[in-house]
Amino acid sequence: MINCAVIGLGRWGRALVEAAKSSAGMKITRAVEADLDAARKFCDERGIALTGDFNAILGDPAIGAILLATPHSLHRSQVIAAARAGKQVFCEKPLALRRSDASDMFDACRRANVLLTVGHNRRFWPSMRALREITTSGELGTILHIEGHNSNENSNAIFNGWRLSEEESPGGGLTGAGLHVLDAFTSLVGPARQVYAYLSSREKGPPPLDTATLALRFESGVSGTLATIRATPFYWRVHVFGTKGSAEVLDEVTMVVRRSGAAPRQIKYAAVDTLAAELDAFADAIENRRSFPVPEADVLVTLSAFEAALKSMQTGQPVICDVR
């Protein structure tokens, strides 16, 4: 069992704390939160030592790993500081808004001989694991096209903070929900080569009313489309089209397979605690039992596509991705 500290006790930081209760490999013993009064009751009820001092965590030899659930603008400095302190790092997405910043973080952790893993939790959905298997197996034939959509209405309840800042959260819903789909595309069909993106903003808000739409071309020759909306009920869809059939994921446990001449086949998978599975995968990677399923290369090419999308929104032109 690895003792760890969670940095940031907003909605997602608290979700990680709850997930850790079911993790076989990680135990959260300390937490860092700027708003101590808001977090004290939560931590007291769970036996977590609370502080407002990040450096106190870095200097604690009992802490082997940190879980970053902070705004992405803090990630670079926090990750590099954690690496210098010899702490293993799990960081919620987005790791950064720029590929270069992400690359700096990975380099710092590599030099310190510690891990940096990124929390793209949709990869742990049973349905998405099955979609990767059927896509890579050849069962769908030659993959021609991929479509994705991730929307949620969380922004309707947010009236301040980094998620409403155009500098901190550019591209409408792309920084939050849409990045999950970009990561899914990377895991299924590889790096994007070109992105043509458009942001339609109806109202600045709060809450903001906008839609982001992307057309993508991948190195593999596959084409793709992505859409995300910040002010509509939760919806997830990733659909892979091949010459022999298509497979579509609709939620954590549902996949629909379609073939010519046959009725669509809906497959249901057993639900799992995806956040606990993610933390267990982090622990396993620390102990060298298995590689973390979101490799550095995937994180970097996903951020390359993200950067290209933001530039395309600004210029109105297709943008070639950095696929080094």
Protein backbone atom coordinates (compact mmCIF):
# COMPACT_ATOMS: atom_id res chain seq x y z
CA MET A 1 0.00 0.00 0.00
CA ILE A 2 1.40 3.38 -1.07
CA ASN A 3 0.69 6.37 1.16
CA CYS A 4 -0.22 9.38 -0.91
CA ALA A 5 -1.49 12.94 -0.62
CA VAL A 6 -4.20 14.57 -2.67
CA ILE A 7 -3.56 18.15 -3.75
CA GLY A 8 -6.80 20.05 -4.25
CA LEU A 9 -10.13 19.10 -2.67
CA GLY A 10 -12.59 20.42 -5.19
CA ARG A 11 -15.22 18.17 -6.75
CA TRP A 12 -12.70 15.91 -8.46
CA GLY A 13 -10.20 15.79 -5.62
CA ARG A 14 -12.96 14.56 -3.35
CA ALA A 15 -13.97 11.98 -5.94
CA LEU A 16 -10.41 10.63 -5.86
CA VAL A 17 -10.53 10.42 -2.07
CA GLU A 18 -13.71 8.35 -2.23
CA ALA A 19 -12.28 6.13 -4.97
CA ALA A 20 -9.14 5.46 -2.93
CA LYS A 21 -11.30 3.69 -0.34
CA SER A 22 -11.74 0.90 -2.91
CA SER A 23 -8.16 0.94 -4.18
CA ALA A 24 -5.96 -1.99 -3.31
CA GLY A 25 -2.75 -0.03 -3.88
CA MET A 26 -3.21 3.58 -2.78
CA LYS A 27 -4.07 5.08 0.61
CA ILE A 28 -4.69 8.83 0.95
CA THR A 29 -3.33 9.99 4.29
CA ARG A 30 -2.77 13.72 3.70
CA ALA A 31 -4.40 16.52 1.71
CA VAL A 32 -3.51 20.04 0.62
CA GLU A 33 -6.27 22.60 0.14
CA ALA A 34 -6.12 26.40 0.10
CA ASP A 35 -9.60 26.73 1.61
CA LEU A 36 -8.96 24.93 4.90
CA ASP A 37 -12.35 25.75 6.42
CA ALA A 38 -14.23 24.24 3.49
CA ALA A 39 -12.18 21.03 3.58
CA ARG A 40 -11.72 20.45 7.31
CA LYS A 41 -14.95 18.52 7.99
CA PHE A 42 -14.46 16.36 4.89
CA CYS A 43 -10.93 15.39 5.97
CA ASP A 44 -11.78 14.89 9.63
CA GLU A 45 -14.52 12.43 8.73
CA ARG A 46 -12.06 10.39 6.66
CA GLY A 47 -9.04 10.56 8.91
CA ILE A 48 -7.00 12.63 6.45
CA ALA A 49 -4.44 15.12 7.76
CA LEU A 50 -5.15 18.52 6.18
CA THR A 51 -2.70 21.31 5.42
CA GLY A 52 -2.52 24.35 3.19
CA ASP A 53 1.21 23.91 2.61
CA PHE A 54 2.22 21.96 -0.50
CA ASN A 55 5.87 22.06 0.53
CA ALA A 56 5.03 20.26 3.77
CA ILE A 57 3.82 17.31 1.69
CA LEU A 58 6.96 17.35 -0.45
CA GLY A 59 9.09 17.17 2.69
CA ASP A 60 7.16 14.30 4.26
CA PRO A 61 9.11 11.02 3.82
CA ALA A 62 5.98 9.00 4.61
CA ILE A 63 4.30 10.23 1.40
CA GLY A 64 5.36 8.20 -1.62
CA ALA A 65 3.03 9.71 -4.21
CA ILE A 66 0.85 12.74 -4.85
CA LEU A 67 -2.46 13.03 -6.67
CA LEU A 68 -2.87 16.41 -8.36
CA ALA A 69 -6.47 17.60 -8.68
CA THR A 70 -5.54 21.24 -9.15
CA PRO A 71 -6.07 23.68 -12.05
CA HIS A 72 -3.79 22.84 -14.98
CA SER A 73 -2.03 26.20 -14.74
CA LEU A 74 -0.44 24.92 -11.51
CA HIS A 75 0.56 21.53 -12.88
CA ARG A 76 3.94 22.40 -14.36
CA SER A 77 5.38 23.88 -11.19
CA GLN A 78 3.76 21.27 -8.94
CA VAL A 79 4.85 18.29 -11.02
CA ILE A 80 8.44 19.52 -11.29
CA ALA A 81 8.58 20.25 -7.55
CA ALA A 82 7.18 16.80 -6.76
CA ALA A 83 9.72 15.15 -9.05
CA ARG A 84 12.59 16.97 -7.33
CA ALA A 85 11.22 15.72 -4.00
CA GLY A 86 11.20 12.14 -5.30
CA LYS A 87 7.40 11.75 -5.26
CA GLN A 88 5.52 9.66 -7.80
CA VAL A 89 2.91 11.79 -9.58
CA PHE A 90 -0.64 11.18 -10.73
CA CYS A 91 -2.08 14.29 -12.40
CA GLU A 92 -5.63 14.88 -13.52
CA LYS A 93 -6.18 16.00 -17.08
CA PRO A 94 -5.56 18.34 -18.72
CA LEU A 95 -1.91 17.93 -17.81
CA ALA A 96 -1.25 21.18 -19.68
CA LEU A 97 -2.60 23.30 -22.51
CA ARG A 98 0.65 23.10 -24.44
CA ARG A 99 2.61 20.06 -25.53
CA SER A 100 5.89 21.77 -24.60
CA ASP A 101 4.82 22.19 -20.96
CA ALA A 102 3.75 18.56 -20.78
CA SER A 103 7.05 17.45 -22.29
CA ASP A 104 8.95 19.47 -19.66
CA MET A 105 7.02 17.72 -16.90
CA PHE A 106 7.71 14.25 -18.28
CA ASP A 107 11.40 15.13 -18.69
CA ALA A 108 11.63 16.34 -15.06
CA CYS A 109 10.07 13.14 -13.77
CA ARG A 110 12.30 11.00 -15.96
CA ARG A 111 15.41 12.75 -14.63
CA ALA A 112 14.19 12.17 -11.07
CA ASN A 113 13.35 8.52 -11.82
CA VAL A 114 9.71 8.93 -10.79
CA LEU A 115 6.51 8.31 -12.71
CA LEU A 116 4.19 10.90 -14.16
CA THR A 117 0.78 9.49 -15.03
CA VAL A 118 -2.25 11.38 -16.37
CA GLY A 119 -5.83 10.69 -15.34
CA HIS A 120 -7.74 10.04 -18.54
CA ASN A 121 -10.29 7.96 -16.65
CA ARG A 122 -12.46 7.09 -19.67
CA ARG A 123 -9.74 4.61 -20.68
CA PHE A 124 -10.82 2.48 -17.73
CA TRP A 125 -14.47 2.26 -18.78
CA PRO A 126 -15.26 -1.41 -19.59
CA SER A 127 -16.97 -0.33 -22.80
CA MET A 128 -13.99 1.72 -23.99
CA ARG A 129 -11.62 -1.15 -23.26
CA ALA A 130 -13.85 -3.39 -25.37
CA LEU A 131 -13.94 -0.79 -28.16
CA ARG A 132 -10.13 -0.71 -28.26
CA GLU A 133 -10.03 -4.50 -28.43
CA ILE A 134 -12.51 -4.78 -31.30
CA THR A 135 -10.86 -1.89 -33.17
CA THR A 136 -7.34 -3.34 -32.97
CA SER A 137 -8.42 -6.95 -33.56
CA GLY A 138 -9.28 -6.36 -37.22
CA GLU A 139 -12.86 -7.49 -36.65
CA LEU A 140 -14.20 -4.22 -38.07
CA GLY A 141 -11.93 -4.43 -41.13
CA THR A 142 -10.06 -1.36 -42.30
CA ILE A 143 -10.93 1.57 -40.03
CA LEU A 144 -12.13 4.51 -42.11
CA HIS A 145 -13.71 7.01 -39.73
CA ILE A 146 -14.27 7.83 -36.06
CA GLU A 147 -16.87 10.07 -34.41
CA GLY A 148 -17.06 11.30 -30.84
CA HIS A 149 -19.13 13.48 -28.57
CA ASN A 150 -18.78 14.34 -24.87
CA SER A 151 -21.06 16.91 -23.28
CA ASN A 152 -22.17 17.67 -19.76
CA GLU A 153 -24.03 20.38 -17.92
CA ASN A 154 -21.58 20.79 -15.02
CA SER A 155 -20.80 24.31 -16.27
CA ASN A 156 -24.37 25.36 -15.48
CA ALA A 157 -23.51 25.21 -11.77
CA ILE A 158 -20.16 27.04 -12.06
CA PHE A 159 -20.16 30.82 -11.70
CA ASN A 160 -16.47 31.55 -11.08
CA GLY A 161 -13.04 29.96 -11.19
CA TRP A 162 -10.61 28.73 -13.81
CA ARG A 163 -13.17 26.71 -15.79
CA LEU A 164 -14.88 29.92 -16.91
CA SER A 165 -11.66 31.68 -17.91
CA GLU A 166 -10.89 31.85 -21.63
CA GLU A 167 -7.18 31.81 -20.78
CA GLU A 168 -7.41 28.84 -18.38
CA SER A 169 -10.13 26.90 -20.19
CA PRO A 170 -10.05 27.84 -23.89
CA GLY A 171 -12.01 26.21 -26.67
CA GLY A 172 -15.37 26.07 -24.92
CA GLY A 173 -15.97 22.55 -23.63
CA LEU A 174 -12.86 21.19 -25.34
CA THR A 175 -10.56 21.69 -22.33
CA GLY A 176 -12.86 19.74 -20.03
CA ALA A 177 -15.13 17.17 -21.63
CA GLY A 178 -13.80 17.29 -25.20
CA LEU A 179 -10.27 16.32 -24.20
CA HIS A 180 -11.62 12.94 -23.09
CA VAL A 181 -12.73 12.29 -26.67
CA LEU A 182 -9.41 13.43 -28.12
CA ASP A 183 -7.64 10.96 -25.83
CA ALA A 184 -10.06 8.22 -26.90
CA PHE A 185 -9.30 8.97 -30.56
CA THR A 186 -5.56 8.75 -29.87
CA SER A 187 -5.93 5.39 -28.13
CA LEU A 188 -8.11 3.99 -30.94
CA VAL A 189 -6.64 5.29 -34.21
CA GLY A 190 -3.36 6.99 -33.30
CA PRO A 191 -2.09 10.57 -33.67
CA ALA A 192 -4.09 13.28 -35.42
CA ARG A 193 -2.23 14.92 -38.31
CA GLN A 194 -4.55 17.86 -39.05
CA VAL A 195 -7.40 19.58 -37.19
CA TYR A 196 -9.98 22.03 -38.43
CA ALA A 197 -11.98 23.41 -35.49
CA TYR A 198 -14.79 25.87 -34.91
CA LEU A 199 -16.12 27.39 -31.67
CA SER A 200 -19.65 28.77 -31.70
CA SER A 201 -20.37 30.91 -28.63
CA ARG A 202 -24.02 31.83 -28.10
CA GLU A 203 -23.52 33.48 -24.68
CA LYS A 204 -20.44 34.13 -22.55
CA GLY A 205 -22.38 33.37 -19.38
CA PRO A 206 -22.08 32.25 -16.71
CA PRO A 207 -23.21 29.73 -17.56
CA PRO A 208 -21.58 29.75 -21.01
CA LEU A 209 -23.58 28.54 -24.00
CA ASP A 210 -21.20 27.26 -26.67
CA THR A 211 -20.36 24.35 -28.93
CA ALA A 212 -16.98 23.17 -30.19
CA THR A 213 -16.72 21.15 -33.39
CA LEU A 214 -13.60 19.48 -34.81
CA ALA A 215 -12.84 17.75 -38.11
CA LEU A 216 -9.69 15.64 -37.91
CA ARG A 217 -7.38 13.73 -40.20
CA PHE A 218 -5.16 11.08 -38.61
CA GLU A 219 -1.72 9.79 -39.53
CA SER A 220 -3.33 6.39 -40.13
CA GLY A 221 -5.55 7.84 -42.87
CA VAL A 222 -8.67 7.72 -40.71
CA SER A 223 -10.98 10.76 -40.69
CA GLY A 224 -12.83 11.95 -37.61
CA THR A 225 -15.32 14.41 -36.15
CA LEU A 226 -15.73 15.58 -32.55
CA ALA A 227 -18.30 17.78 -30.84
CA THR A 228 -18.72 18.99 -27.28
CA ILE A 229 -21.34 21.21 -25.62
CA ARG A 230 -21.05 22.65 -22.12
CA ALA A 231 -24.72 23.28 -21.32
CA THR A 232 -26.55 20.07 -22.16
CA PRO A 233 -27.11 16.88 -20.10
CA PHE A 234 -24.32 14.36 -20.02
CA TYR A 235 -23.81 12.50 -23.29
CA TRP A 236 -20.95 10.28 -24.43
CA ARG A 237 -20.49 8.65 -27.80
CA VAL A 238 -17.44 7.23 -29.59
CA HIS A 239 -18.16 5.40 -32.84
CA VAL A 240 -15.57 3.56 -34.96
CA PHE A 241 -16.46 2.77 -38.60
CA GLY A 242 -14.70 0.03 -40.57
CA THR A 243 -15.17 -1.81 -43.86
CA LYS A 244 -16.63 -4.86 -42.08
CA GLY A 245 -18.73 -3.13 -39.43
CA SER A 246 -18.87 -0.41 -36.81
CA ALA A 247 -18.77 -0.31 -33.02
CA GLU A 248 -20.22 2.46 -30.89
CA VAL A 249 -19.80 3.12 -27.17
CA LEU A 250 -22.66 5.00 -25.50
CA ASP A 251 -21.69 4.96 -21.83
CA GLU A 252 -19.41 3.19 -19.35
CA VAL A 253 -20.89 -0.25 -19.98
CA THR A 254 -22.70 -0.19 -23.35
CA MET A 255 -21.37 -0.93 -26.84
CA VAL A 256 -23.38 -1.43 -30.03
CA VAL A 257 -21.87 -3.46 -32.90
CA ARG A 258 -23.32 -3.19 -36.40
CA ARG A 259 -22.66 -5.42 -39.39
CA SER A 260 -24.16 -5.59 -42.87
CA GLY A 261 -27.22 -7.84 -43.06
CA ALA A 262 -27.57 -8.21 -39.29
CA ALA A 263 -29.48 -6.40 -36.59
CA PRO A 264 -27.41 -4.17 -34.31
CA ARG A 265 -26.02 -6.10 -31.33
CA GLN A 266 -25.94 -4.32 -27.98
CA ILE A 267 -23.37 -5.60 -25.48
CA LYS A 268 -23.46 -4.75 -21.77
CA TYR A 269 -20.35 -5.05 -19.60
CA ALA A 270 -20.06 -5.31 -15.84
CA ALA A 271 -19.57 -1.90 -14.23
CA VAL A 272 -16.36 -1.15 -12.35
CA ASP A 273 -15.14 1.70 -10.15
CA THR A 274 -13.09 3.36 -12.86
CA LEU A 275 -11.36 5.85 -10.56
CA ALA A 276 -10.30 3.09 -8.17
CA ALA A 277 -9.07 1.08 -11.17
CA GLU A 278 -7.10 4.12 -12.30
CA LEU A 279 -5.46 4.49 -8.89
CA ASP A 280 -4.65 0.77 -8.81
CA ALA A 281 -3.03 1.09 -12.23
CA PHE A 282 -0.93 3.97 -10.88
CA ALA A 283 0.16 1.84 -7.91
CA ASP A 284 0.95 -1.11 -10.18
CA ALA A 285 3.08 1.13 -12.42
CA ILE A 286 5.01 2.39 -9.39
CA GLU A 287 5.67 -1.19 -8.32
CA ASN A 288 6.62 -2.22 -11.91
CA ARG A 289 3.78 -4.74 -12.13
CA ARG A 290 2.40 -3.24 -15.36
CA SER A 291 2.69 -0.10 -17.45
CA PHE A 292 0.17 2.66 -16.91
CA PRO A 293 -2.33 2.41 -19.80
CA VAL A 294 -1.99 6.08 -20.83
CA PRO A 295 1.59 6.32 -22.13
CA GLU A 296 3.54 9.55 -22.39
CA ALA A 297 3.46 9.46 -26.19
CA ASP A 298 -0.35 9.38 -26.18
CA VAL A 299 -0.57 12.32 -23.76
CA LEU A 300 1.74 14.39 -25.95
CA VAL A 301 0.01 13.72 -29.28
CA THR A 302 -3.40 14.35 -27.72
CA LEU A 303 -2.16 17.74 -26.51
CA SER A 304 -0.74 18.39 -29.99
CA ALA A 305 -4.22 17.89 -31.43
CA PHE A 306 -5.68 20.08 -28.70
CA GLU A 307 -3.22 22.88 -29.45
CA ALA A 308 -3.95 22.60 -33.17
CA ALA A 309 -7.69 22.82 -32.48
CA LEU A 310 -7.28 26.02 -30.46
CA LYS A 311 -5.14 27.59 -33.18
CA SER A 312 -7.67 26.58 -35.83
CA MET A 313 -10.47 28.20 -33.81
CA GLN A 314 -8.46 31.42 -33.79
CA THR A 315 -7.38 31.43 -37.44
CA GLY A 316 -10.34 29.74 -39.11
CA GLN A 317 -7.92 27.50 -40.99
CA PRO A 318 -6.91 23.81 -40.74
CA VAL A 319 -3.77 23.33 -38.62
CA ILE A 320 -1.15 20.59 -38.90
CA CYS A 321 -0.41 18.84 -35.58
CA ASP A 322 3.03 18.47 -34.04
CA VAL A 323 3.50 14.67 -34.14
CA ARG A 324 7.16 14.44 -33.17
